[in-house]
Amino acid sequence: MTYADPSDLVRGGEVHRDLFVDQKLFDQEMSNLFANCWVYVGHESQVPKRGDYYATTIGSQPVIMVRQKDGTVKVIYNRCPHRGVQLVNEGHGSVGPMFRCPYHAWTFNTDGSLFGVPVKDGYKESGFSESCASHGIEGVATHVYRQFVFARLAREGIGFEEFFGESLTTIDNMVDRSPEGRLEVAGAPLRYMHYCNWKMLVDNQTDTFHPMIAHESSAGTVRKIWEESGAQGPKPMVVEVVLPFTAKHEFYVEMGIRTWPNGHGHTGTKYSIHSDYTLPKEYTDAMEAAYGAERAEAILQEARHNTVYFPNMTMKGAIQTLRLFKPLGPDRTLVESWVFRLAGAPDELLERSALYNRLINSPTSIVGHDDLEMYERAQQGLKVSATPWVNYQREFHPGERYDSTQLWSGQSEVQMRNQYDAWVKFMKPAVSGEEVQA
């Protein structure tokens, strides 16, 4: 099959199996999809001082998020324009006032502009001033929203506000849960290799039909132990976090789903598995002092389950966690699970977020392994060519549209269909730097 038109691979609630197994299609995702979308890079708290950097990837492209001398944050490619050497090979650190290439000692300001070339006389009458190298390290379109840093590799394309629209309300709620209106990344992420396609993980975030089935072995065991112990008194934090995964199908149906254009959406329009968490009085008092009683109550009652920020990031605002699904191949995905501290909030909330991350998202998770087994079984099963289409038709209606904010039943697979509609939209060839210069 050829992939000149990605829309041939998505039809009426079905997608072709090649989206999950084909190397050439994966390569097109890296060069087109991940270039055309605004992709989460990092948080400003990771680079607090001038010259501080955080190195990561957008799709397959290595980039650096770096704090500038004027206090802004910029994203640049991690590549010396001279001979292609990566400028930094540590995940984070500080370069001080400038980058220095370790190969030939070319230096660059933190915004990527060329600062100095050793023995520059050697380039006289060489045409150096017209070369790509003379322009310095190429930058990436960068947008910071409430300290969350996003970037778009394509030189031309959809604007930040148009791409995210009303979906940014999940970030707003997560930040507003801090009495100071500020978050901080709390330590390094948990990293967990999954031998499956990255889109399987994104799909799962709004799949409300699997928890009571796939998680019976883990969360169901926690419920059994709790009930056998008498289930008396306040629930221990671990029980409070895990038990909702055993909720019945009706719970998820009523929970609701909201979709936004461009592939974004979330479960939990009415309530979620996080709605009944105990909040310390010290915290609610601080929130009321900061926002007033009515506004504080509205912030804390908003307990969305999983918000998908297409293409590869999900957020739980009520529990202050963020996961990034980093594609490494059609059958290999690195999952990064981050925890945030609410500035001005009691440490008990950070403790619960960290506990949730370990219990649910880590390589030692008692819940996440249920999902991982399903992903890897699906990755193997999709090698079967006899059934070429994957089904997402639960509550599908022909003519379904995804170009406006809409509310749906909690059991619908509509958010997955919304994602594949966006997949088709953003798989068009990206406008690269070279094409713009031409």
Foldseek 3Di string as FASTA:
>chain_A
DDPPFVVVQDDQQKGFLCLQPPFVNLVLCLQFVLQFAWAFDFFQLQAVDAQKWFWDARFNFIWIWGAHPVGDIFIFGQAQPPPGDGQDDDRIDGPPQWTFRPPQGFIAGPNFQGDDHPPCVVCPPVCVCVDPNNRGTGTFAWDADLRTIITHQFPDHDDPCLQCPPVCVLVQLLQLLFLVSHKHWDDFWFKDKFQTALLLVLLVQLQLPPLLPLQCVQLVVLVVVCVVVPVDDDDDLVNLLRNVSNDDSVVLQVQWKKAAALLKIFTGPPHGSLQPDDADPQSLVSSCVRPNNVVSVVSQNRFIRWIDSPPFKIAGSNLAKIWGWHDDGSRMTMITIIHMDRPPGDCVSSVSSVVSCCQAPHPNHSRVVSSSVVRVVVRVVSVDPPDGMDGQCAVGDPPDDRHHMDMDGSNHSVSSSSNVVSVSVRSDRGNHPVNVVD
